[in-house]
PDB file of N, CA and C in Angstrom:
ATOM      1  N   UNK A   1      82.659  57.157 -57.951  1.00  0.00           N
ATOM      2  CA  UNK A   1      83.140  57.636 -56.659  1.00  0.00           C
ATOM      3  C   UNK A   1      82.021  57.493 -55.626  1.00  0.00           C
ATOM      4  N   UNK A   2      82.412  57.074 -54.416  1.00  0.00           N
ATOM      5  CA  UNK A   2      81.441  56.940 -53.336  1.00  0.00           C
ATOM      6  C   UNK A   2      80.972  58.319 -52.898  1.00  0.00           C
ATOM      7  N   UNK A   3      79.669  58.468 -52.619  1.00  0.00           N
ATOM      8  CA  UNK A   3      79.167  59.781 -52.176  1.00  0.00           C
ATOM      9  C   UNK A   3      79.798  60.231 -50.864  1.00  0.00           C
ATOM     10  N   UNK A   4      80.021  59.301 -49.960  1.00  0.00           N
ATOM     11  CA  UNK A   4      80.635  59.645 -48.674  1.00  0.00           C
ATOM     12  C   UNK A   4      81.744  58.644 -48.379  1.00  0.00           C
ATOM     13  N   UNK A   5      82.948  59.152 -48.250  1.00  0.00           N
ATOM     14  CA  UNK A   5      84.074  58.288 -47.925  1.00  0.00           C
ATOM     15  C   UNK A   5      84.355  58.451 -46.444  1.00  0.00           C
ATOM     16  N   UNK A   6      84.199  57.356 -45.702  1.00  0.00           N
ATOM     17  CA  UNK A   6      84.444  57.391 -44.267  1.00  0.00           C
ATOM     18  C   UNK A   6      85.573  56.428 -43.926  1.00  0.00           C
ATOM     19  N   UNK A   7      85.868  56.306 -42.663  1.00  0.00           N
ATOM     20  CA  UNK A   7      86.990  55.471 -42.254  1.00  0.00           C
ATOM     21  C   UNK A   7      86.790  54.011 -42.678  1.00  0.00           C
ATOM     22  N   UNK A   8      85.554  53.528 -42.700  1.00  0.00           N
ATOM     23  CA  UNK A   8      85.294  52.143 -43.087  1.00  0.00           C
ATOM     24  C   UNK A   8      85.623  51.927 -44.562  1.00  0.00           C
ATOM     25  N   UNK A   9      85.200  52.827 -45.424  1.00  0.00           N
ATOM     26  CA  UNK A   9      85.487  52.664 -46.852  1.00  0.00           C
ATOM     27  C   UNK A   9      86.987  52.813 -47.135  1.00  0.00           C
ATOM     28  N   UNK A  10      87.634  53.759 -46.465  1.00  0.00           N
ATOM     29  CA  UNK A  10      89.082  53.905 -46.623  1.00  0.00           C
ATOM     30  C   UNK A  10      89.806  52.658 -46.132  1.00  0.00           C
ATOM     31  N   UNK A  11      89.372  52.101 -45.002  1.00  0.00           N
ATOM     32  CA  UNK A  11      90.011  50.895 -44.469  1.00  0.00           C
ATOM     33  C   UNK A  11      89.888  49.733 -45.445  1.00  0.00           C
ATOM     34  N   UNK A  12      88.712  49.584 -46.057  1.00  0.00           N
ATOM     35  CA  UNK A  12      88.512  48.503 -47.029  1.00  0.00           C
ATOM     36  C   UNK A  12      89.462  48.660 -48.207  1.00  0.00           C
ATOM     37  N   UNK A  13      89.601  49.880 -48.698  1.00  0.00           N
ATOM     38  CA  UNK A  13      90.494  50.147 -49.824  1.00  0.00           C
ATOM     39  C   UNK A  13      91.951  49.874 -49.456  1.00  0.00           C
ATOM     40  N   UNK A  14      92.389  50.413 -48.329  1.00  0.00           N
ATOM     41  CA  UNK A  14      93.783  50.241 -47.897  1.00  0.00           C
ATOM     42  C   UNK A  14      94.092  48.772 -47.619  1.00  0.00           C
ATOM     43  N   UNK A  15      93.189  48.075 -46.944  1.00  0.00           N
ATOM     44  CA  UNK A  15      93.401  46.651 -46.644  1.00  0.00           C
ATOM     45  C   UNK A  15      93.473  45.832 -47.921  1.00  0.00           C
ATOM     46  N   UNK A  16      92.593  46.129 -48.876  1.00  0.00           N
ATOM     47  CA  UNK A  16      92.607  45.402 -50.143  1.00  0.00           C
ATOM     48  C   UNK A  16      93.908  45.605 -50.908  1.00  0.00           C
ATOM     49  N   UNK A  17      94.378  46.834 -50.942  1.00  0.00           N
ATOM     50  CA  UNK A  17      95.642  47.119 -51.616  1.00  0.00           C
ATOM     51  C   UNK A  17      96.806  46.418 -50.922  1.00  0.00           C
ATOM     52  N   UNK A  18      96.843  46.481 -49.608  1.00  0.00           N
ATOM     53  CA  UNK A  18      97.924  45.832 -48.853  1.00  0.00           C
ATOM     54  C   UNK A  18      97.884  44.319 -49.052  1.00  0.00           C
ATOM     55  N   UNK A  19      96.695  43.757 -49.015  1.00  0.00           N
ATOM     56  CA  UNK A  19      96.528  42.302 -49.143  1.00  0.00           C
ATOM     57  C   UNK A  19      96.973  41.789 -50.513  1.00  0.00           C
ATOM     58  N   UNK A  20      96.815  42.607 -51.548  1.00  0.00           N
ATOM     59  CA  UNK A  20      97.191  42.179 -52.894  1.00  0.00           C
ATOM     60  C   UNK A  20      98.608  42.598 -53.273  1.00  0.00           C
ATOM     61  N   UNK A  21      99.386  43.037 -52.285  1.00  0.00           N
ATOM     62  CA  UNK A  21     100.786  43.355 -52.527  1.00  0.00           C
ATOM     63  C   UNK A  21     101.039  44.724 -53.125  1.00  0.00           C
ATOM     64  N   UNK A  22     100.051  45.571 -53.131  1.00  0.00           N
ATOM     65  CA  UNK A  22     100.209  46.922 -53.688  1.00  0.00           C
ATOM     66  C   UNK A  22     100.501  47.904 -52.548  1.00  0.00           C
ATOM     67  N   UNK A  23     101.639  47.681 -51.924  1.00  0.00           N
ATOM     68  CA  UNK A  23     102.025  48.449 -50.736  1.00  0.00           C
ATOM     69  C   UNK A  23     102.125  49.932 -51.000  1.00  0.00           C
ATOM     70  N   UNK A  24     102.743  50.312 -52.093  1.00  0.00           N
ATOM     71  CA  UNK A  24     102.905  51.734 -52.397  1.00  0.00           C
ATOM     72  C   UNK A  24     101.552  52.411 -52.545  1.00  0.00           C
ATOM     73  N   UNK A  25     100.638  51.762 -53.256  1.00  0.00           N
ATOM     74  CA  UNK A  25      99.296  52.323 -53.432  1.00  0.00           C
ATOM     75  C   UNK A  25      98.573  52.428 -52.096  1.00  0.00           C
ATOM     76  N   UNK A  26      98.726  51.410 -51.233  1.00  0.00           N
ATOM     77  CA  UNK A  26      98.094  51.438 -49.910  1.00  0.00           C
ATOM     78  C   UNK A  26      98.623  52.609 -49.092  1.00  0.00           C
ATOM     79  N   UNK A  27      99.933  52.814 -49.138  1.00  0.00           N
ATOM     80  CA  UNK A  27     100.546  53.916 -48.399  1.00  0.00           C
ATOM     81  C   UNK A  27     100.090  55.269 -48.944  1.00  0.00           C
ATOM     82  N   UNK A  28      99.941  55.370 -50.259  1.00  0.00           N
ATOM     83  CA  UNK A  28      99.449  56.612 -50.855  1.00  0.00           C
ATOM     84  C   UNK A  28      98.010  56.895 -50.425  1.00  0.00           C
ATOM     85  N   UNK A  29      97.175  55.859 -50.395  1.00  0.00           N
ATOM     86  CA  UNK A  29      95.776  56.041 -49.987  1.00  0.00           C
ATOM     87  C   UNK A  29      95.687  56.394 -48.500  1.00  0.00           C
ATOM     88  N   UNK A  30      96.581  55.849 -47.692  1.00  0.00           N
ATOM     89  CA  UNK A  30      96.641  56.192 -46.271  1.00  0.00           C
ATOM     90  C   UNK A  30      96.914  57.683 -46.121  1.00  0.00           C
ATOM     91  N   UNK A  31      97.846  58.181 -46.894  1.00  0.00           N
ATOM     92  CA  UNK A  31      98.174  59.611 -46.861  1.00  0.00           C
ATOM     93  C   UNK A  31      97.001  60.443 -47.377  1.00  0.00           C
ATOM     94  N   UNK A  32      96.405  60.019 -48.474  1.00  0.00           N
ATOM     95  CA  UNK A  32      95.270  60.749 -49.040  1.00  0.00           C
ATOM     96  C   UNK A  32      94.105  60.801 -48.064  1.00  0.00           C
ATOM     97  N   UNK A  33      93.858  59.695 -47.395  1.00  0.00           N
ATOM     98  CA  UNK A  33      92.772  59.617 -46.405  1.00  0.00           C
ATOM     99  C   UNK A  33      92.922  60.727 -45.362  1.00  0.00           C
ATOM    100  N   UNK A  34      94.128  60.879 -44.854  1.00  0.00           N
ATOM    101  CA  UNK A  34      94.369  61.878 -43.825  1.00  0.00           C
ATOM    102  C   UNK A  34      94.286  63.296 -44.389  1.00  0.00           C
ATOM    103  N   UNK A  35      94.775  63.478 -45.613  1.00  0.00           N
ATOM    104  CA  UNK A  35      94.690  64.798 -46.246  1.00  0.00           C
ATOM    105  C   UNK A  35      93.240  65.222 -46.460  1.00  0.00           C
ATOM    106  N   UNK A  36      92.362  64.233 -46.634  1.00  0.00           N
ATOM    107  CA  UNK A  36      90.942  64.529 -46.822  1.00  0.00           C
ATOM    108  C   UNK A  36      90.190  64.639 -45.496  1.00  0.00           C
ATOM    109  N   UNK A  37      90.930  64.582 -44.394  1.00  0.00           N
ATOM    110  CA  UNK A  37      90.336  64.826 -43.086  1.00  0.00           C
ATOM    111  C   UNK A  37      89.693  63.620 -42.424  1.00  0.00           C
ATOM    112  N   UNK A  38      89.962  62.429 -42.927  1.00  0.00           N
ATOM    113  CA  UNK A  38      89.415  61.215 -42.311  1.00  0.00           C
ATOM    114  C   UNK A  38      90.459  60.668 -41.344  1.00  0.00           C
ATOM    115  N   UNK A  39      90.069  60.540 -40.076  1.00  0.00           N
ATOM    116  CA  UNK A  39      90.992  60.066 -39.040  1.00  0.00           C
ATOM    117  C   UNK A  39      91.141  58.545 -39.099  1.00  0.00           C
ATOM    118  N   UNK A  40      92.371  58.032 -39.147  1.00  0.00           N
ATOM    119  CA  UNK A  40      92.568  56.585 -39.133  1.00  0.00           C
ATOM    120  C   UNK A  40      92.202  55.999 -37.773  1.00  0.00           C
ATOM    121  N   UNK A  41      91.766  54.736 -37.774  1.00  0.00           N
ATOM    122  CA  UNK A  41      91.459  54.039 -36.531  1.00  0.00           C
ATOM    123  C   UNK A  41      92.377  52.818 -36.406  1.00  0.00           C
ATOM    124  N   UNK A  42      92.100  51.961 -35.441  1.00  0.00           N
ATOM    125  CA  UNK A  42      92.941  50.784 -35.211  1.00  0.00           C
ATOM    126  C   UNK A  42      93.044  49.921 -36.468  1.00  0.00           C
ATOM    127  N   UNK A  43      91.938  49.729 -37.156  1.00  0.00           N
ATOM    128  CA  UNK A  43      91.925  48.893 -38.354  1.00  0.00           C
ATOM    129  C   UNK A  43      92.803  49.507 -39.443  1.00  0.00           C
ATOM    130  N   UNK A  44      92.773  50.819 -39.562  1.00  0.00           N
ATOM    131  CA  UNK A  44      93.621  51.502 -40.538  1.00  0.00           C
ATOM    132  C   UNK A  44      95.083  51.212 -40.250  1.00  0.00           C
ATOM    133  N   UNK A  45      95.483  51.333 -38.980  1.00  0.00           N
ATOM    134  CA  UNK A  45      96.884  51.116 -38.628  1.00  0.00           C
ATOM    135  C   UNK A  45      97.296  49.666 -38.850  1.00  0.00           C
ATOM    136  N   UNK A  46      96.416  48.735 -38.558  1.00  0.00           N
ATOM    137  CA  UNK A  46      96.717  47.317 -38.800  1.00  0.00           C
ATOM    138  C   UNK A  46      96.954  47.100 -40.291  1.00  0.00           C
ATOM    139  N   UNK A  47      96.065  47.644 -41.114  1.00  0.00           N
ATOM    140  CA  UNK A  47      96.188  47.474 -42.563  1.00  0.00           C
ATOM    141  C   UNK A  47      97.441  48.128 -43.122  1.00  0.00           C
ATOM    142  N   UNK A  48      97.739  49.337 -42.676  1.00  0.00           N
ATOM    143  CA  UNK A  48      98.894  50.035 -43.233  1.00  0.00           C
ATOM    144  C   UNK A  48     100.199  49.418 -42.736  1.00  0.00           C
ATOM    145  N   UNK A  49     100.209  48.912 -41.511  1.00  0.00           N
ATOM    146  CA  UNK A  49     101.405  48.197 -41.039  1.00  0.00           C
ATOM    147  C   UNK A  49     101.614  46.927 -41.852  1.00  0.00           C
ATOM    148  N   UNK A  50     100.528  46.280 -42.257  1.00  0.00           N
ATOM    149  CA  UNK A  50     100.648  45.088 -43.102  1.00  0.00           C
ATOM    150  C   UNK A  50     101.170  45.423 -44.498  1.00  0.00           C
ATOM    151  N   UNK A  51     101.031  46.673 -44.914  1.00  0.00           N
ATOM    152  CA  UNK A  51     101.565  47.097 -46.214  1.00  0.00           C
ATOM    153  C   UNK A  51     103.075  47.315 -46.160  1.00  0.00           C
ATOM    154  N   UNK A  52     103.618  47.498 -44.967  1.00  0.00           N
ATOM    155  CA  UNK A  52     105.066  47.710 -44.802  1.00  0.00           C
ATOM    156  C   UNK A  52     105.732  46.341 -44.730  1.00  0.00           C
ATOM    157  N   UNK A  53     106.148  45.849 -45.883  1.00  0.00           N
ATOM    158  CA  UNK A  53     106.598  44.459 -45.951  1.00  0.00           C
ATOM    159  C   UNK A  53     108.058  44.272 -46.329  1.00  0.00           C
ATOM    160  N   UNK A  54     108.816  45.346 -46.437  1.00  0.00           N
ATOM    161  CA  UNK A  54     110.208  45.177 -46.833  1.00  0.00           C
ATOM    162  C   UNK A  54     111.088  46.206 -46.136  1.00  0.00           C
ATOM    163  N   UNK A  55     112.384  45.949 -46.188  1.00  0.00           N
ATOM    164  CA  UNK A  55     113.355  46.834 -45.552  1.00  0.00           C
ATOM    165  C   UNK A  55     113.273  48.252 -46.118  1.00  0.00           C
ATOM    166  N   UNK A  56     112.866  48.374 -47.392  1.00  0.00           N
ATOM    167  CA  UNK A  56     112.791  49.686 -48.028  1.00  0.00           C
ATOM    168  C   UNK A  56     111.782  50.611 -47.359  1.00  0.00           C
ATOM    169  N   UNK A  57     110.744  50.060 -46.746  1.00  0.00           N
ATOM    170  CA  UNK A  57     109.712  50.890 -46.118  1.00  0.00           C
ATOM    171  C   UNK A  57     109.770  50.824 -44.587  1.00  0.00           C
ATOM    172  N   UNK A  58     110.873  50.314 -44.055  1.00  0.00           N
ATOM    173  CA  UNK A  58     111.011  50.208 -42.603  1.00  0.00           C
ATOM    174  C   UNK A  58     110.904  51.578 -41.943  1.00  0.00           C
ATOM    175  N   UNK A  59     111.495  52.603 -42.535  1.00  0.00           N
ATOM    176  CA  UNK A  59     111.436  53.939 -41.920  1.00  0.00           C
ATOM    177  C   UNK A  59     109.992  54.435 -41.860  1.00  0.00           C
ATOM    178  N   UNK A  60     109.198  54.133 -42.869  1.00  0.00           N
ATOM    179  CA  UNK A  60     107.785  54.505 -42.843  1.00  0.00           C
ATOM    180  C   UNK A  60     107.048  53.703 -41.778  1.00  0.00           C
ATOM    181  N   UNK A  61     107.366  52.421 -41.661  1.00  0.00           N
ATOM    182  CA  UNK A  61     106.767  51.600 -40.609  1.00  0.00           C
ATOM    183  C   UNK A  61     107.076  52.145 -39.228  1.00  0.00           C
ATOM    184  N   UNK A  62     108.293  52.626 -39.041  1.00  0.00           N
ATOM    185  CA  UNK A  62     108.671  53.223 -37.760  1.00  0.00           C
ATOM    186  C   UNK A  62     107.892  54.514 -37.497  1.00  0.00           C
ATOM    187  N   UNK A  63     107.666  55.284 -38.550  1.00  0.00           N
ATOM    188  CA  UNK A  63     106.875  56.504 -38.416  1.00  0.00           C
ATOM    189  C   UNK A  63     105.437  56.160 -38.008  1.00  0.00           C
ATOM    190  N   UNK A  64     104.866  55.155 -38.645  1.00  0.00           N
ATOM    191  CA  UNK A  64     103.511  54.721 -38.295  1.00  0.00           C
ATOM    192  C   UNK A  64     103.480  54.190 -36.863  1.00  0.00           C
ATOM    193  N   UNK A  65     104.520  53.489 -36.457  1.00  0.00           N
ATOM    194  CA  UNK A  65     104.639  53.019 -35.075  1.00  0.00           C
ATOM    195  C   UNK A  65     104.601  54.205 -34.120  1.00  0.00           C
ATOM    196  N   UNK A  66     105.326  55.269 -34.445  1.00  0.00           N
ATOM    197  CA  UNK A  66     105.331  56.470 -33.597  1.00  0.00           C
ATOM    198  C   UNK A  66     103.929  57.070 -33.477  1.00  0.00           C
ATOM    199  N   UNK A  67     103.186  57.063 -34.567  1.00  0.00           N
ATOM    200  CA  UNK A  67     101.821  57.588 -34.533  1.00  0.00           C
ATOM    201  C   UNK A  67     100.935  56.726 -33.644  1.00  0.00           C
ATOM    202  N   UNK A  68     101.133  55.400 -33.677  1.00  0.00           N
ATOM    203  CA  UNK A  68     100.334  54.528 -32.796  1.00  0.00           C
ATOM    204  C   UNK A  68     100.643  54.792 -31.328  1.00  0.00           C
ATOM    205  N   UNK A  69     101.889  55.132 -31.029  1.00  0.00           N
ATOM    206  CA  UNK A  69     102.248  55.491 -29.650  1.00  0.00           C
ATOM    207  C   UNK A  69     101.539  56.786 -29.265  1.00  0.00           C
ATOM    208  N   UNK A  70     101.592  57.774 -30.151  1.00  0.00           N
ATOM    209  CA  UNK A  70     100.944  59.059 -29.898  1.00  0.00           C
ATOM    210  C   UNK A  70      99.444  58.880 -29.664  1.00  0.00           C
ATOM    211  N   UNK A  71      98.827  57.988 -30.411  1.00  0.00           N
ATOM    212  CA  UNK A  71      97.390  57.745 -30.280  1.00  0.00           C
ATOM    213  C   UNK A  71      97.054  56.696 -29.221  1.00  0.00           C
ATOM    214  N   UNK A  72      98.068  56.282 -28.478  1.00  0.00           N
ATOM    215  CA  UNK A  72      97.915  55.316 -27.385  1.00  0.00           C
ATOM    216  C   UNK A  72      97.321  53.990 -27.860  1.00  0.00           C
ATOM    217  N   UNK A  73      97.775  53.534 -29.024  1.00  0.00           N
ATOM    218  CA  UNK A  73      97.322  52.260 -29.575  1.00  0.00           C
ATOM    219  C   UNK A  73      98.369  51.166 -29.471  1.00  0.00           C
ATOM    220  N   UNK A  74      99.550  51.500 -28.954  1.00  0.00           N
ATOM    221  CA  UNK A  74     100.654  50.547 -28.934  1.00  0.00           C
ATOM    222  C   UNK A  74     100.344  49.306 -28.104  1.00  0.00           C
ATOM    223  N   UNK A  75      99.506  49.428 -27.097  1.00  0.00           N
ATOM    224  CA  UNK A  75      99.211  48.268 -26.258  1.00  0.00           C
ATOM    225  C   UNK A  75      97.997  47.478 -26.757  1.00  0.00           C
ATOM    226  N   UNK A  76      97.338  47.959 -27.810  1.00  0.00           N
ATOM    227  CA  UNK A  76      96.254  47.186 -28.429  1.00  0.00           C
ATOM    228  C   UNK A  76      96.863  45.900 -28.976  1.00  0.00           C
ATOM    229  N   UNK A  77      96.308  44.762 -28.596  1.00  0.00           N
ATOM    230  CA  UNK A  77      96.891  43.465 -28.939  1.00  0.00           C
ATOM    231  C   UNK A  77      97.026  43.290 -30.453  1.00  0.00           C
ATOM    232  N   UNK A  78      96.006  43.634 -31.196  1.00  0.00           N
ATOM    233  CA  UNK A  78      96.040  43.409 -32.641  1.00  0.00           C
ATOM    234  C   UNK A  78      96.966  44.407 -33.330  1.00  0.00           C
ATOM    235  N   UNK A  79      96.965  45.657 -32.887  1.00  0.00           N
ATOM    236  CA  UNK A  79      97.887  46.648 -33.446  1.00  0.00           C
ATOM    237  C   UNK A  79      99.331  46.235 -33.134  1.00  0.00           C
ATOM    238  N   UNK A  80      99.576  45.786 -31.922  1.00  0.00           N
ATOM    239  CA  UNK A  80     100.920  45.333 -31.545  1.00  0.00           C
ATOM    240  C   UNK A  80     101.354  44.139 -32.385  1.00  0.00           C
ATOM    241  N   UNK A  81     100.434  43.220 -32.640  1.00  0.00           N
ATOM    242  CA  UNK A  81     100.754  42.058 -33.478  1.00  0.00           C
ATOM    243  C   UNK A  81     101.114  42.507 -34.891  1.00  0.00           C
ATOM    244  N   UNK A  82     100.409  43.508 -35.407  1.00  0.00           N
ATOM    245  CA  UNK A  82     100.728  44.032 -36.740  1.00  0.00           C
ATOM    246  C   UNK A  82     102.110  44.681 -36.740  1.00  0.00           C
ATOM    247  N   UNK A  83     102.459  45.381 -35.650  1.00  0.00           N
ATOM    248  CA  UNK A  83     103.788  45.986 -35.555  1.00  0.00           C
ATOM    249  C   UNK A  83     104.863  44.905 -35.484  1.00  0.00           C
ATOM    250  N   UNK A  84     104.614  43.873 -34.683  1.00  0.00           N
ATOM    251  CA  UNK A  84     105.563  42.758 -34.589  1.00  0.00           C
ATOM    252  C   UNK A  84     105.810  42.154 -35.962  1.00  0.00           C
ATOM    253  N   UNK A  85     104.748  41.892 -36.696  1.00  0.00           N
ATOM    254  CA  UNK A  85     104.870  41.300 -38.028  1.00  0.00           C
ATOM    255  C   UNK A  85     105.600  42.235 -38.983  1.00  0.00           C
ATOM    256  N   UNK A  86     105.274  43.517 -38.929  1.00  0.00           N
ATOM    257  CA  UNK A  86     105.913  44.480 -39.810  1.00  0.00           C
ATOM    258  C   UNK A  86     107.419  44.502 -39.576  1.00  0.00           C
ATOM    259  N   UNK A  87     107.829  44.608 -38.313  1.00  0.00           N
ATOM    260  CA  UNK A  87     109.261  44.640 -38.022  1.00  0.00           C
ATOM    261  C   UNK A  87     109.937  43.337 -38.435  1.00  0.00           C
ATOM    262  N   UNK A  88     109.279  42.214 -38.215  1.00  0.00           N
ATOM    263  CA  UNK A  88     109.858  40.923 -38.605  1.00  0.00           C
ATOM    264  C   UNK A  88     110.024  40.836 -40.116  1.00  0.00           C
ATOM    265  N   UNK A  89     108.979  41.200 -40.867  1.00  0.00           N
ATOM    266  CA  UNK A  89     109.048  41.133 -42.337  1.00  0.00           C
ATOM    267  C   UNK A  89     110.094  42.085 -42.894  1.00  0.00           C
ATOM    268  N   UNK A  90     110.326  43.186 -42.203  1.00  0.00           N
ATOM    269  CA  UNK A  90     111.332  44.163 -42.645  1.00  0.00           C
ATOM    270  C   UNK A  90     112.737  43.778 -42.180  1.00  0.00           C
ATOM    271  N   UNK A  91     112.854  42.676 -41.454  1.00  0.00           N
ATOM    272  CA  UNK A  91     114.165  42.201 -41.006  1.00  0.00           C
ATOM    273  C   UNK A  91     114.678  42.866 -39.753  1.00  0.00           C
ATOM    274  N   UNK A  92     113.818  43.549 -39.020  1.00  0.00           N
ATOM    275  CA  UNK A  92     114.234  44.249 -37.810  1.00  0.00           C
ATOM    276  C   UNK A  92     113.777  43.456 -36.575  1.00  0.00           C
ATOM    277  N   UNK A  93     114.422  42.353 -36.362  1.00  0.00           N
ATOM    278  CA  UNK A  93     114.024  41.461 -35.268  1.00  0.00           C
ATOM    279  C   UNK A  93     114.242  42.110 -33.897  1.00  0.00           C
ATOM    280  N   UNK A  94     115.236  42.977 -33.784  1.00  0.00           N
ATOM    281  CA  UNK A  94     115.488  43.674 -32.518  1.00  0.00           C
ATOM    282  C   UNK A  94     114.272  44.518 -32.126  1.00  0.00           C
ATOM    283  N   UNK A  95     113.723  45.265 -33.091  1.00  0.00           N
ATOM    284  CA  UNK A  95     112.541  46.080 -32.816  1.00  0.00           C
ATOM    285  C   UNK A  95     111.323  45.210 -32.535  1.00  0.00           C
ATOM    286  N   UNK A  96     111.203  44.115 -33.271  1.00  0.00           N
ATOM    287  CA  UNK A  96     110.087  43.194 -33.063  1.00  0.00           C
ATOM    288  C   UNK A  96     110.117  42.625 -31.646  1.00  0.00           C
ATOM    289  N   UNK A  97     111.286  42.216 -31.207  1.00  0.00           N
ATOM    290  CA  UNK A  97     111.436  41.669 -29.852  1.00  0.00           C
ATOM    291  C   UNK A  97     111.157  42.734 -28.797  1.00  0.00           C
ATOM    292  N   UNK A  98     111.578  43.970 -29.049  1.00  0.00           N
ATOM    293  CA  UNK A  98     111.330  45.060 -28.102  1.00  0.00           C
ATOM    294  C   UNK A  98     109.826  45.298 -27.922  1.00  0.00           C
ATOM    295  N   UNK A  99     109.077  45.265 -29.032  1.00  0.00           N
ATOM    296  CA  UNK A  99     107.620  45.425 -28.962  1.00  0.00           C
ATOM    297  C   UNK A  99     107.019  44.273 -28.157  1.00  0.00           C
ATOM    298  N   UNK A 100     107.454  43.070 -28.464  1.00  0.00           N
ATOM    299  CA  UNK A 100     106.928  41.888 -27.789  1.00  0.00           C
ATOM    300  C   UNK A 100     107.167  41.954 -26.284  1.00  0.00           C
ATOM    301  N   UNK A 101     108.372  42.356 -25.895  1.00  0.00           N
ATOM    302  CA  UNK A 101     108.713  42.415 -24.476  1.00  0.00           C
ATOM    303  C   UNK A 101     107.926  43.489 -23.727  1.00  0.00           C
ATOM    304  N   UNK A 102     107.473  44.546 -24.421  1.00  0.00           N
ATOM    305  CA  UNK A 102     106.712  45.620 -23.783  1.00  0.00           C
ATOM    306  C   UNK A 102     105.236  45.286 -23.597  1.00  0.00           C
ATOM    307  N   UNK A 103     104.758  44.239 -24.262  1.00  0.00           N
ATOM    308  CA  UNK A 103     103.342  43.902 -24.150  1.00  0.00           C
ATOM    309  C   UNK A 103     102.986  43.552 -22.711  1.00  0.00           C
ATOM    310  N   UNK A 104     101.930  44.154 -22.178  1.00  0.00           N
ATOM    311  CA  UNK A 104     101.537  43.857 -20.801  1.00  0.00           C
ATOM    312  C   UNK A 104     101.052  42.417 -20.639  1.00  0.00           C
ATOM    313  N   UNK A 105     100.403  41.883 -21.678  1.00  0.00           N
ATOM    314  CA  UNK A 105      99.949  40.499 -21.686  1.00  0.00           C
ATOM    315  C   UNK A 105     100.290  39.888 -23.019  1.00  0.00           C
ATOM    316  N   UNK A 106     100.817  38.707 -22.986  1.00  0.00           N
ATOM    317  CA  UNK A 106     101.147  38.009 -24.220  1.00  0.00           C
ATOM    318  C   UNK A 106     100.103  36.904 -24.428  1.00  0.00           C
ATOM    319  N   UNK A 107      99.418  36.973 -25.568  1.00  0.00           N
ATOM    320  CA  UNK A 107      98.397  35.976 -25.859  1.00  0.00           C
ATOM    321  C   UNK A 107      98.751  35.284 -27.168  1.00  0.00           C
ATOM    322  N   UNK A 108      97.847  34.451 -27.650  1.00  0.00           N
ATOM    323  CA  UNK A 108      98.123  33.671 -28.857  1.00  0.00           C
ATOM    324  C   UNK A 108      98.361  34.577 -30.062  1.00  0.00           C
ATOM    325  N   UNK A 109      97.713  35.733 -30.132  1.00  0.00           N
ATOM    326  CA  UNK A 109      97.909  36.664 -31.245  1.00  0.00           C
ATOM    327  C   UNK A 109      99.341  37.188 -31.244  1.00  0.00           C
ATOM    328  N   UNK A 110      99.812  37.647 -30.080  1.00  0.00           N
ATOM    329  CA  UNK A 110     101.171  38.197 -30.021  1.00  0.00           C
ATOM    330  C   UNK A 110     102.239  37.119 -30.206  1.00  0.00           C
ATOM    331  N   UNK A 111     102.029  35.932 -29.670  1.00  0.00           N
ATOM    332  CA  UNK A 111     102.999  34.852 -29.856  1.00  0.00           C
ATOM    333  C   UNK A 111     103.074  34.434 -31.310  1.00  0.00           C
ATOM    334  N   UNK A 112     101.959  34.412 -32.015  1.00  0.00           N
ATOM    335  CA  UNK A 112     101.961  34.026 -33.431  1.00  0.00           C
ATOM    336  C   UNK A 112     102.554  35.094 -34.332  1.00  0.00           C
ATOM    337  N   UNK A 113     102.503  36.347 -33.889  1.00  0.00           N
ATOM    338  CA  UNK A 113     103.074  37.422 -34.721  1.00  0.00           C
ATOM    339  C   UNK A 113     104.584  37.326 -34.747  1.00  0.00           C
TER     340      UNK A 113
END
């Protein structure tokens, strides 16, 4: 066990789990991180949105989207791109298009998402 678990170490763990297709484990670690008092940052939200890859977890993706709005991260280009991808992968193209249309500036990151 690491002597000090901070947002960087949690982000590495969550991103690794999401990247290897272990979405449920990534989501559990996201919850554990917060229960242990570590505040998620932009990178955390990008990683956890990438873990939401199917229609079964769309409701959780929407909940995470709501948290990004509360934390005023919705207009962050990379966070928005992760939301666009999450909604697209979950089959919710209407929500994906709504996010895209709300972007104040559309750049190569948002167009590719």
